Amino acid sequence: MESFFHSVTLDRKLCKGCINCVKRCPTEAIRVQNGKAKIIKERCIDCGECIRICPHHAKQAVYDPLSILDRFEYTIALPAPSLYGQFNHLDRVDIVLDALLQIGFDAVYEVARAAEYVSDITRTLLEKGGLPKPVISSACPAVVRLIRVRFPELLPHVLPVRAPMEVAAQLAKAEAVKKTGLPPEKIGAIFISPCPAKVTAVKMPIGVESCAVDGVVAAHEIYSQLLRVMKPGSEAAPRQQTAGRIGIRWGQSGGEADALAHDQYLAADGIENVIRVLESMEDDQLGDVEFVELNACSGGCVGGVLNVENPYVAKTKLERLSRFKPVYRRDPGPVPQEMFFDHAIEFVPVMQLDPDVSVAIEKLRRMEEIESRLYGIDCGSCGAPSCRALAEDIVRGFNTEMACIYVQRAYLQSITQEMSRLADNMPGEEEEERQEE
């Protein structure tokens, strides 16, 4: 049985039992039972949509505190490109990079720089051919996990290349070993994350044996500390930014696809739009599209729930910041073999009714029979996202038909009618007196 780590967690004390999260979860991983939400860990992909939608802040993300720096002799900050879009009046990335050094990091390696390596290898793989088309970007871990549990037929289409975050950690630690002479275990590569999915990708990676990232700090946790040292009018220490326009634009939707210099691509953001695109891929409806960039968060990584800025405002800031930058600013050289996955991503059948096909077919028959008796309103009052999901819960033994308020109402009406009928048939007082005489 596979073990699970999840960055997205539930605070039951704050949960009011509303069904906002239930209706928005892309894998139907949330139910409300006994007035409180419950996350089905096997189905959760840590997309953070429930954090975004919860009005009571009952869903929260787990990540490392900045004190993780104390565990290592030498620490490297890995800022996501989306971090640059969180600040007002920023005209140079160097100011953010210098601020990271001032708050305690020993070095900085831009994830945007590693993104340019990933763009290079993706372009090369597309030119060589051999990958099932369209190729799906593997950069968003929430999307990869969504495909893994809900769209298994599309797994061969996932680009077998590590995300820029992991590539940055590999390259940064290799540079630090040469520079300091320290062993890798004493060097900490700390990613500054815009979303909980990337926390999970570090703690429980898929497609790779282990992740080179040693810790993940939320962008909103480090934001205020960076602001304190980024004083208005202050000049950053001399430092050459190592990423160009292509790397910076990875922080927003369409940036990765645009970097391929290829017209036959599709870019979609927002988990509901992502699902629509994947469903179209399953039905072979994308025509001549060769590359698909999908981001679970609206706007791309700038829309991550661990950021502070409105995603569309942040996207505008990234556009302005990258406008006059050179296309590339990375070091020339071969792409390391370590950029590729260690093994193929495997389907996780968390949604199958039973491993035995015959049993699964019988459960499906019962599920459809139960669903036909329900009302098809999908109101969510039962704590499940739809009538079909409730029917599935009943078949799995997690609930009963009486959880449906319309079934309850019909049942109570039938009891009321039966009581009324019995009352009408009961003898009156005069009839009772005659019977006594």
Protein backbone atom coordinates (compact mmCIF):
# COMPACT_ATOMS: atom_id res chain seq x y z
CA MET A 1 0.00 0.00 0.00
CA GLU A 2 1.43 3.36 -1.04
CA SER A 3 2.10 5.86 1.75
CA PHE A 4 0.86 9.41 1.35
CA PHE A 5 2.18 12.83 2.28
CA HIS A 6 -0.08 15.80 1.74
CA SER A 7 0.74 19.46 2.05
CA VAL A 8 -2.98 20.28 2.09
CA THR A 9 -4.45 19.64 5.53
CA LEU A 10 -7.77 20.23 7.30
CA ASP A 11 -8.33 22.06 10.59
CA ARG A 12 -11.55 20.49 11.83
CA LYS A 13 -12.02 23.21 14.45
CA LEU A 14 -12.35 25.84 11.74
CA CYS A 15 -14.48 23.72 9.40
CA LYS A 16 -18.16 24.73 9.34
CA GLY A 17 -19.33 21.84 7.19
CA CYS A 18 -20.15 23.93 4.12
CA ILE A 19 -19.72 22.17 0.78
CA ASN A 20 -17.62 24.73 -1.11
CA CYS A 21 -14.58 22.46 -1.12
CA VAL A 22 -16.66 19.37 -1.91
CA LYS A 23 -18.03 20.91 -5.10
CA ARG A 24 -14.67 22.23 -6.36
CA CYS A 25 -12.33 19.30 -5.70
CA PRO A 26 -11.16 17.93 -9.10
CA THR A 27 -10.77 14.35 -7.87
CA GLU A 28 -13.82 14.22 -5.57
CA ALA A 29 -11.47 13.76 -2.63
CA ILE A 30 -13.59 15.61 -0.05
CA ARG A 31 -16.77 14.63 1.77
CA VAL A 32 -18.69 16.31 4.58
CA GLN A 33 -19.76 13.90 7.29
CA ASN A 34 -21.16 14.74 10.73
CA GLY A 35 -20.86 18.43 9.94
CA LYS A 36 -17.13 18.36 9.13
CA ALA A 37 -15.13 17.95 5.94
CA LYS A 38 -13.00 14.87 5.42
CA ILE A 39 -10.17 14.57 2.88
CA ILE A 40 -9.76 11.18 1.20
CA LYS A 41 -5.96 11.09 1.15
CA GLU A 42 -5.70 8.54 -1.66
CA ARG A 43 -7.45 10.91 -4.06
CA CYS A 44 -6.02 14.27 -3.00
CA ILE A 45 -3.56 15.80 -5.51
CA ASP A 46 -2.68 18.83 -3.34
CA CYS A 47 -3.81 21.29 -6.00
CA GLY A 48 -4.81 23.75 -3.26
CA GLU A 49 -8.22 24.49 -4.78
CA CYS A 50 -9.89 23.77 -1.43
CA ILE A 51 -7.54 26.23 0.29
CA ARG A 52 -8.46 28.86 -2.27
CA ILE A 53 -12.23 28.31 -1.98
CA CYS A 54 -12.68 27.73 1.78
CA PRO A 55 -14.28 30.84 3.36
CA HIS A 56 -13.38 29.67 6.87
CA HIS A 57 -9.66 28.99 6.22
CA ALA A 58 -10.11 25.42 7.41
CA LYS A 59 -7.83 24.08 4.66
CA GLN A 60 -4.18 24.91 5.16
CA ALA A 61 -0.83 24.03 3.60
CA VAL A 62 2.07 22.40 5.43
CA TYR A 63 5.56 23.64 4.52
CA ASP A 64 8.95 24.17 6.16
CA PRO A 65 9.72 27.17 8.40
CA LEU A 66 12.57 29.47 7.42
CA SER A 67 14.48 28.07 10.41
CA ILE A 68 15.24 25.05 8.20
CA LEU A 69 18.31 27.04 7.16
CA ASP A 70 19.86 26.19 10.55
CA ARG A 71 20.05 22.51 9.62
CA PHE A 72 22.71 23.07 6.95
CA GLU A 73 26.19 24.56 6.82
CA TYR A 74 25.52 26.13 3.43
CA THR A 75 22.10 27.08 2.08
CA ILE A 76 20.90 27.93 -1.42
CA ALA A 77 17.66 29.79 -2.14
CA LEU A 78 15.71 28.53 -5.13
CA PRO A 79 13.23 31.31 -5.97
CA ALA A 80 10.38 30.39 -8.29
CA PRO A 81 9.95 32.86 -11.18
CA SER A 82 6.51 33.74 -9.80
CA LEU A 83 8.19 35.24 -6.71
CA TYR A 84 9.33 38.24 -8.74
CA GLY A 85 5.72 39.13 -9.51
CA GLN A 86 4.84 39.61 -5.84
CA PHE A 87 6.60 42.97 -5.40
CA ASN A 88 5.56 46.47 -6.44
CA HIS A 89 7.83 48.78 -8.43
CA LEU A 90 10.45 46.07 -8.98
CA ASP A 91 12.62 46.94 -11.96
CA ARG A 92 15.42 44.41 -11.44
CA VAL A 93 15.40 40.78 -10.36
CA ASP A 94 18.80 41.38 -8.74
CA ILE A 95 17.06 43.25 -5.91
CA VAL A 96 15.13 40.13 -4.91
CA LEU A 97 18.19 37.90 -5.27
CA ASP A 98 20.24 40.21 -3.05
CA ALA A 99 17.44 40.34 -0.46
CA LEU A 100 17.47 36.54 -0.22
CA LEU A 101 21.16 36.71 0.68
CA GLN A 102 20.48 39.37 3.27
CA ILE A 103 17.90 37.30 5.15
CA GLY A 104 20.26 34.37 5.62
CA PHE A 105 20.86 32.34 2.47
CA ASP A 106 24.46 31.77 1.39
CA ALA A 107 23.68 31.58 -2.32
CA VAL A 108 20.84 31.91 -4.79
CA TYR A 109 20.11 29.80 -7.85
CA GLU A 110 17.23 30.99 -9.98
CA VAL A 111 14.67 28.34 -10.86
CA ALA A 112 14.08 30.46 -13.96
CA ARG A 113 17.61 29.55 -15.06
CA ALA A 114 16.82 25.84 -14.73
CA ALA A 115 13.55 26.43 -16.60
CA GLU A 116 15.60 27.49 -19.61
CA TYR A 117 17.42 24.16 -19.49
CA VAL A 118 14.06 22.37 -19.41
CA SER A 119 12.88 24.45 -22.37
CA ASP A 120 16.01 23.42 -24.29
CA ILE A 121 15.58 19.71 -23.67
CA THR A 122 11.84 19.87 -24.43
CA ARG A 123 12.51 21.58 -27.74
CA THR A 124 15.11 18.95 -28.60
CA LEU A 125 12.79 16.05 -27.73
CA LEU A 126 9.98 17.52 -29.82
CA GLU A 127 12.30 17.92 -32.80
CA LYS A 128 13.60 14.36 -32.50
CA GLY A 129 10.12 12.89 -32.20
CA GLY A 130 9.38 9.55 -30.59
CA LEU A 131 7.12 10.91 -27.86
CA PRO A 132 3.33 10.43 -28.10
CA LYS A 133 1.72 13.65 -29.29
CA PRO A 134 0.61 15.91 -27.88
CA VAL A 135 3.28 15.98 -25.20
CA ILE A 136 2.03 17.18 -21.80
CA SER A 137 4.31 19.35 -19.66
CA SER A 138 5.44 17.71 -16.41
CA ALA A 139 6.19 21.03 -14.68
CA CYS A 140 2.97 21.27 -12.63
CA PRO A 141 2.94 18.44 -10.05
CA ALA A 142 -0.79 18.83 -9.39
CA VAL A 143 -1.52 18.19 -13.08
CA VAL A 144 0.79 15.16 -13.16
CA ARG A 145 -0.95 13.72 -10.10
CA LEU A 146 -4.34 14.44 -11.62
CA ILE A 147 -3.39 12.47 -14.74
CA ARG A 148 -2.00 9.72 -12.56
CA VAL A 149 -5.32 9.09 -10.79
CA ARG A 150 -7.94 10.22 -13.28
CA PHE A 151 -6.50 10.05 -16.83
CA PRO A 152 -4.22 6.97 -16.89
CA GLU A 153 -4.39 6.61 -20.68
CA LEU A 154 -2.58 9.95 -20.97
CA LEU A 155 0.41 9.00 -18.79
CA PRO A 156 2.61 8.12 -21.83
CA HIS A 157 2.09 11.70 -23.05
CA VAL A 158 3.67 13.25 -19.94
CA LEU A 159 7.09 14.75 -20.70
CA PRO A 160 9.66 12.51 -18.89
CA VAL A 161 11.68 15.50 -17.70
CA ARG A 162 12.05 16.77 -14.14
CA ALA A 163 10.45 20.07 -13.17
CA PRO A 164 12.69 23.19 -13.11
CA MET A 165 12.58 23.20 -9.30
CA GLU A 166 14.33 19.81 -9.17
CA VAL A 167 16.78 20.64 -11.95
CA ALA A 168 17.70 23.88 -10.17
CA ALA A 169 18.41 22.00 -6.94
CA GLN A 170 20.63 19.47 -8.75
CA LEU A 171 22.67 22.10 -10.57
CA ALA A 172 22.87 24.44 -7.57
CA LYS A 173 24.17 21.75 -5.23
CA ALA A 174 26.72 20.58 -7.79
CA GLU A 175 28.04 24.15 -8.04
CA ALA A 176 28.06 24.52 -4.25
CA VAL A 177 30.04 21.30 -3.75
CA LYS A 178 32.75 22.60 -6.12
CA LYS A 179 32.76 26.02 -4.49
CA THR A 180 32.73 25.03 -0.81
CA GLY A 181 34.17 21.51 -0.75
CA LEU A 182 31.30 20.48 1.53
CA PRO A 183 29.56 17.13 1.08
CA PRO A 184 26.08 17.37 -0.51
CA GLU A 185 24.29 16.42 2.71
CA LYS A 186 25.59 19.60 4.40
CA ILE A 187 24.26 21.79 1.62
CA GLY A 188 20.57 22.71 1.73
CA ALA A 189 18.66 23.67 -1.41
CA ILE A 190 15.51 25.47 -0.27
CA PHE A 191 12.71 26.12 -2.74
CA ILE A 192 10.47 29.17 -2.30
CA SER A 193 7.12 27.80 -3.38
CA PRO A 194 3.98 29.40 -4.77
CA CYS A 195 1.79 26.32 -4.14
CA PRO A 196 1.29 23.26 -1.89
CA ALA A 197 1.60 20.81 -4.81
CA LYS A 198 5.31 21.57 -5.05
CA VAL A 199 5.72 20.88 -1.34
CA THR A 200 4.24 17.43 -1.93
CA ALA A 201 6.43 16.97 -5.01
CA VAL A 202 9.49 17.39 -2.77
CA LYS A 203 8.29 15.28 0.15
CA MET A 204 6.77 12.50 -1.99
CA PRO A 205 8.14 12.74 -5.55
CA ILE A 206 6.81 10.68 -8.44
CA GLY A 207 8.81 9.63 -11.47
CA VAL A 208 12.07 10.01 -9.52
CA GLU A 209 13.67 8.10 -6.68
CA SER A 210 14.38 11.24 -4.64
CA CYS A 211 14.21 14.99 -4.97
CA ALA A 212 17.32 17.16 -4.65
CA VAL A 213 15.34 19.91 -2.92
CA ASP A 214 15.91 19.80 0.84
CA GLY A 215 13.12 22.07 2.02
CA VAL A 216 10.21 24.19 0.87
CA VAL A 217 9.30 27.61 2.26
CA ALA A 218 6.04 29.33 1.29
CA ALA A 219 6.35 32.53 -0.73
CA HIS A 220 4.00 34.38 1.62
CA GLU A 221 6.09 33.35 4.65
CA ILE A 222 9.26 34.87 3.24
CA TYR A 223 7.59 37.86 1.59
CA SER A 224 7.54 40.17 4.62
CA GLN A 225 11.16 39.41 5.49
CA LEU A 226 12.24 40.24 1.96
CA LEU A 227 10.29 43.51 2.08
CA ARG A 228 12.12 44.57 5.23
CA VAL A 229 15.49 44.49 3.48
CA MET A 230 14.22 45.70 0.11
CA LYS A 231 14.01 49.33 1.18
CA PRO A 232 12.77 51.91 -1.33
CA GLY A 233 15.62 53.37 -3.34
CA SER A 234 18.14 50.81 -2.09
CA GLU A 235 20.61 49.38 -4.58
CA ALA A 236 21.26 45.69 -4.83
CA ALA A 237 24.79 44.40 -4.54
CA PRO A 238 26.45 43.84 -7.92
CA ARG A 239 25.14 40.55 -9.20
CA GLN A 240 24.40 39.20 -12.64
CA GLN A 241 20.92 37.81 -13.09
CA THR A 242 21.30 34.35 -14.59
CA ALA A 243 17.90 33.96 -16.30
CA GLY A 244 16.47 35.74 -19.31
CA ARG A 245 12.99 36.48 -20.54
CA ILE A 246 12.16 32.83 -21.25
CA GLY A 247 12.98 31.69 -17.73
CA ILE A 248 11.09 34.51 -16.01
CA ARG A 249 7.97 33.97 -18.12
CA TRP A 250 7.72 30.39 -16.83
CA GLY A 251 6.02 31.94 -13.80
CA GLN A 252 2.85 32.58 -15.79
CA SER A 253 0.56 30.51 -17.97
CA GLY A 254 1.85 30.16 -21.52
CA GLY A 255 5.44 30.97 -20.62
CA GLU A 256 6.69 27.41 -20.94
CA ALA A 257 4.93 26.78 -24.25
CA ASP A 258 6.04 30.13 -25.66
CA ALA A 259 9.67 29.23 -24.89
CA LEU A 260 9.50 26.37 -27.40
CA ALA A 261 9.30 28.79 -30.36
CA HIS A 262 6.62 26.48 -31.70
CA ASP A 263 3.15 27.41 -32.95
CA GLN A 264 1.42 24.08 -32.40
CA TYR A 265 0.87 24.31 -28.66
CA LEU A 266 -1.96 24.81 -26.22
CA ALA A 267 -1.72 26.45 -22.79
CA ALA A 268 -4.50 26.22 -20.20
CA ASP A 269 -4.66 27.26 -16.56
CA GLY A 270 -7.16 26.71 -13.75
CA ILE A 271 -7.98 23.19 -12.67
CA GLU A 272 -11.40 23.09 -14.34
CA ASN A 273 -9.94 24.19 -17.67
CA VAL A 274 -7.15 21.65 -17.27
CA ILE A 275 -9.71 18.87 -16.86
CA ARG A 276 -11.55 19.98 -20.01
CA VAL A 277 -8.32 19.87 -22.01
CA LEU A 278 -7.41 16.42 -20.69
CA GLU A 279 -10.89 15.14 -21.53
CA SER A 280 -10.45 16.52 -25.06
CA MET A 281 -7.11 14.72 -25.30
CA GLU A 282 -8.75 11.45 -24.25
CA ASP A 283 -11.25 11.94 -27.07
CA ASP A 284 -8.46 12.81 -29.53
CA GLN A 285 -9.89 16.26 -30.21
CA LEU A 286 -6.75 18.43 -30.15
CA GLY A 287 -5.90 18.04 -33.81
CA ASP A 288 -2.34 19.04 -34.71
CA VAL A 289 -1.38 20.28 -31.23
CA GLU A 290 2.08 18.94 -30.33
CA PHE A 291 2.65 20.36 -26.85
CA VAL A 292 0.23 21.05 -24.01
CA GLU A 293 1.14 23.28 -21.07
CA LEU A 294 -1.25 22.85 -18.15
CA ASN A 295 -1.24 24.73 -14.85
CA ALA A 296 -3.63 23.84 -12.04
CA CYS A 297 -3.62 27.42 -10.73
CA SER A 298 -5.34 30.24 -12.56
CA GLY A 299 -2.76 32.39 -14.31
CA GLY A 300 -0.05 29.76 -13.85
CA CYS A 301 2.32 29.66 -10.87
CA VAL A 302 1.53 33.31 -10.10
CA GLY A 303 -1.91 31.98 -9.06
CA GLY A 304 -0.56 29.65 -6.38
CA VAL A 305 -2.30 29.89 -3.00
CA LEU A 306 1.02 30.42 -1.19
CA ASN A 307 1.59 33.72 -2.99
CA VAL A 308 0.42 37.14 -1.77
CA GLU A 309 -0.36 39.05 -4.97
CA ASN A 310 -3.43 38.81 -7.20
CA PRO A 311 -2.36 36.41 -10.00
CA TYR A 312 -3.32 38.74 -12.82
CA VAL A 313 -1.52 41.67 -11.25
CA ALA A 314 1.53 39.44 -10.68
CA LYS A 315 1.38 38.30 -14.31
CA THR A 316 1.47 41.93 -15.47
CA LYS A 317 4.47 42.57 -13.24
CA LEU A 318 6.34 39.59 -14.70
CA GLU A 319 5.57 40.80 -18.22
CA ARG A 320 6.98 44.22 -17.42
CA LEU A 321 10.00 42.79 -15.62
CA SER A 322 10.94 40.47 -18.48
CA ARG A 323 10.13 42.78 -21.38
CA PHE A 324 13.62 44.13 -22.00
CA LYS A 325 15.59 41.12 -20.81
CA PRO A 326 17.64 39.03 -23.26
CA VAL A 327 15.92 35.85 -24.37
CA TYR A 328 18.49 33.63 -22.62
CA ARG A 329 21.06 34.28 -19.95
CA ARG A 330 21.97 30.76 -18.96
CA ASP A 331 25.40 29.21 -19.21
CA PRO A 332 25.97 27.23 -22.43
CA GLY A 333 26.73 23.56 -22.09
CA PRO A 334 25.18 20.09 -22.29
CA VAL A 335 21.96 19.27 -20.48
CA PRO A 336 22.62 16.79 -17.63
CA GLN A 337 21.16 13.30 -17.92
CA GLU A 338 19.79 13.70 -14.39
CA MET A 339 17.09 15.94 -15.81
CA PHE A 340 15.05 12.94 -16.91
CA PHE A 341 12.68 10.82 -14.83
CA ASP A 342 14.15 7.76 -13.17
CA HIS A 343 11.15 5.62 -14.13
CA ALA A 344 7.77 5.89 -15.78
CA ILE A 345 4.89 7.35 -13.80
CA GLU A 346 2.46 4.62 -12.84
CA PHE A 347 -1.32 4.75 -12.69
CA VAL A 348 -2.76 4.79 -9.18
CA PRO A 349 -6.23 3.19 -9.34
CA VAL A 350 -7.73 5.10 -6.41
CA MET A 351 -11.04 5.52 -8.22
CA GLN A 352 -11.66 1.92 -9.24
CA LEU A 353 -14.50 0.22 -7.39
CA ASP A 354 -12.65 -3.05 -6.89
CA PRO A 355 -9.42 -4.68 -8.13
CA ASP A 356 -11.47 -7.70 -9.21
CA VAL A 357 -13.08 -6.82 -12.56
CA SER A 358 -16.17 -8.95 -12.02
CA VAL A 359 -16.74 -7.46 -8.57
CA ALA A 360 -16.18 -3.97 -9.95
CA ILE A 361 -18.77 -4.57 -12.68
CA GLU A 362 -21.31 -5.74 -10.11
CA LYS A 363 -20.62 -2.70 -7.92
CA LEU A 364 -21.00 -0.45 -10.95
CA ARG A 365 -24.39 -2.05 -11.69
CA ARG A 366 -25.50 -1.44 -8.08
CA MET A 367 -24.12 2.09 -8.21
CA GLU A 368 -26.14 2.92 -11.34
CA GLU A 369 -29.24 1.36 -9.81
CA ILE A 370 -28.85 3.51 -6.68
CA GLU A 371 -28.16 6.62 -8.75
CA SER A 372 -31.37 6.05 -10.71
CA ARG A 373 -33.31 6.24 -7.43
CA LEU A 374 -31.70 9.51 -6.46
CA TYR A 375 -32.90 12.85 -7.76
CA GLY A 376 -30.00 13.98 -9.99
CA ILE A 377 -29.89 17.46 -8.47
CA ASP A 378 -26.24 17.24 -7.34
CA CYS A 379 -26.99 19.69 -4.51
CA GLY A 380 -24.19 18.40 -2.28
CA SER A 381 -26.36 18.43 0.86
CA CYS A 382 -25.47 14.78 1.47
CA GLY A 383 -21.80 15.77 1.79
CA ALA A 384 -20.83 14.25 -1.58
CA PRO A 385 -20.16 16.35 -4.69
CA SER A 386 -22.85 14.66 -6.82
CA CYS A 387 -25.60 12.05 -6.75
CA ARG A 388 -23.27 9.68 -8.58
CA ALA A 389 -20.57 10.21 -5.94
CA LEU A 390 -23.12 9.46 -3.21
CA ALA A 391 -24.12 6.28 -5.04
CA GLU A 392 -20.45 5.31 -5.14
CA ASP A 393 -20.08 6.01 -1.41
CA ILE A 394 -23.10 3.81 -0.70
CA VAL A 395 -21.67 0.95 -2.77
CA ARG A 396 -18.35 1.31 -0.96
CA GLY A 397 -20.20 1.14 2.38
CA PHE A 398 -19.39 4.71 3.44
CA ASN A 399 -22.95 6.06 3.42
CA THR A 400 -26.63 5.22 2.95
CA GLU A 401 -29.41 6.53 0.72
CA MET A 402 -30.87 8.31 3.74
CA ALA A 403 -28.02 10.81 3.46
CA CYS A 404 -29.97 12.36 0.57
CA ILE A 405 -32.31 15.04 1.94
CA TYR A 406 -34.82 14.35 -0.84
CA VAL A 407 -34.89 10.66 0.02
CA GLN A 408 -35.37 11.69 3.65
CA ARG A 409 -38.22 14.02 2.69
CA ALA A 410 -39.94 11.33 0.63
CA TYR A 411 -39.52 8.87 3.50
CA LEU A 412 -40.99 11.30 6.04
CA GLN A 413 -43.86 12.10 3.69
CA SER A 414 -44.64 8.41 3.34
CA ILE A 415 -44.61 8.00 7.12
CA THR A 416 -46.82 11.06 7.55
CA GLN A 417 -49.28 9.76 4.97
CA GLU A 418 -49.33 6.34 6.60
CA MET A 419 -49.96 7.87 10.05
CA SER A 420 -52.72 10.02 8.57
CA ARG A 421 -54.30 6.94 6.97
CA LEU A 422 -54.14 5.03 10.24
CA ALA A 423 -55.63 7.98 12.08
CA ASP A 424 -58.54 8.13 9.60
CA ASN A 425 -59.25 4.44 10.11
CA MET A 426 -59.24 4.62 13.89
CA PRO A 427 -62.75 4.54 15.49
CA GLY A 428 -64.13 7.83 16.82
CA GLU A 429 -65.51 8.40 20.34
CA GLU A 430 -69.10 7.53 19.37
CA GLU A 431 -67.97 4.31 17.73
CA GLU A 432 -65.98 3.38 20.83
CA GLU A 433 -69.03 4.01 23.07
CA ARG A 434 -71.22 1.79 20.89
CA GLN A 435 -68.58 -0.92 21.01
CA GLU A 436 -68.54 -0.64 24.82
CA GLU A 437 -72.38 -0.99 25.03
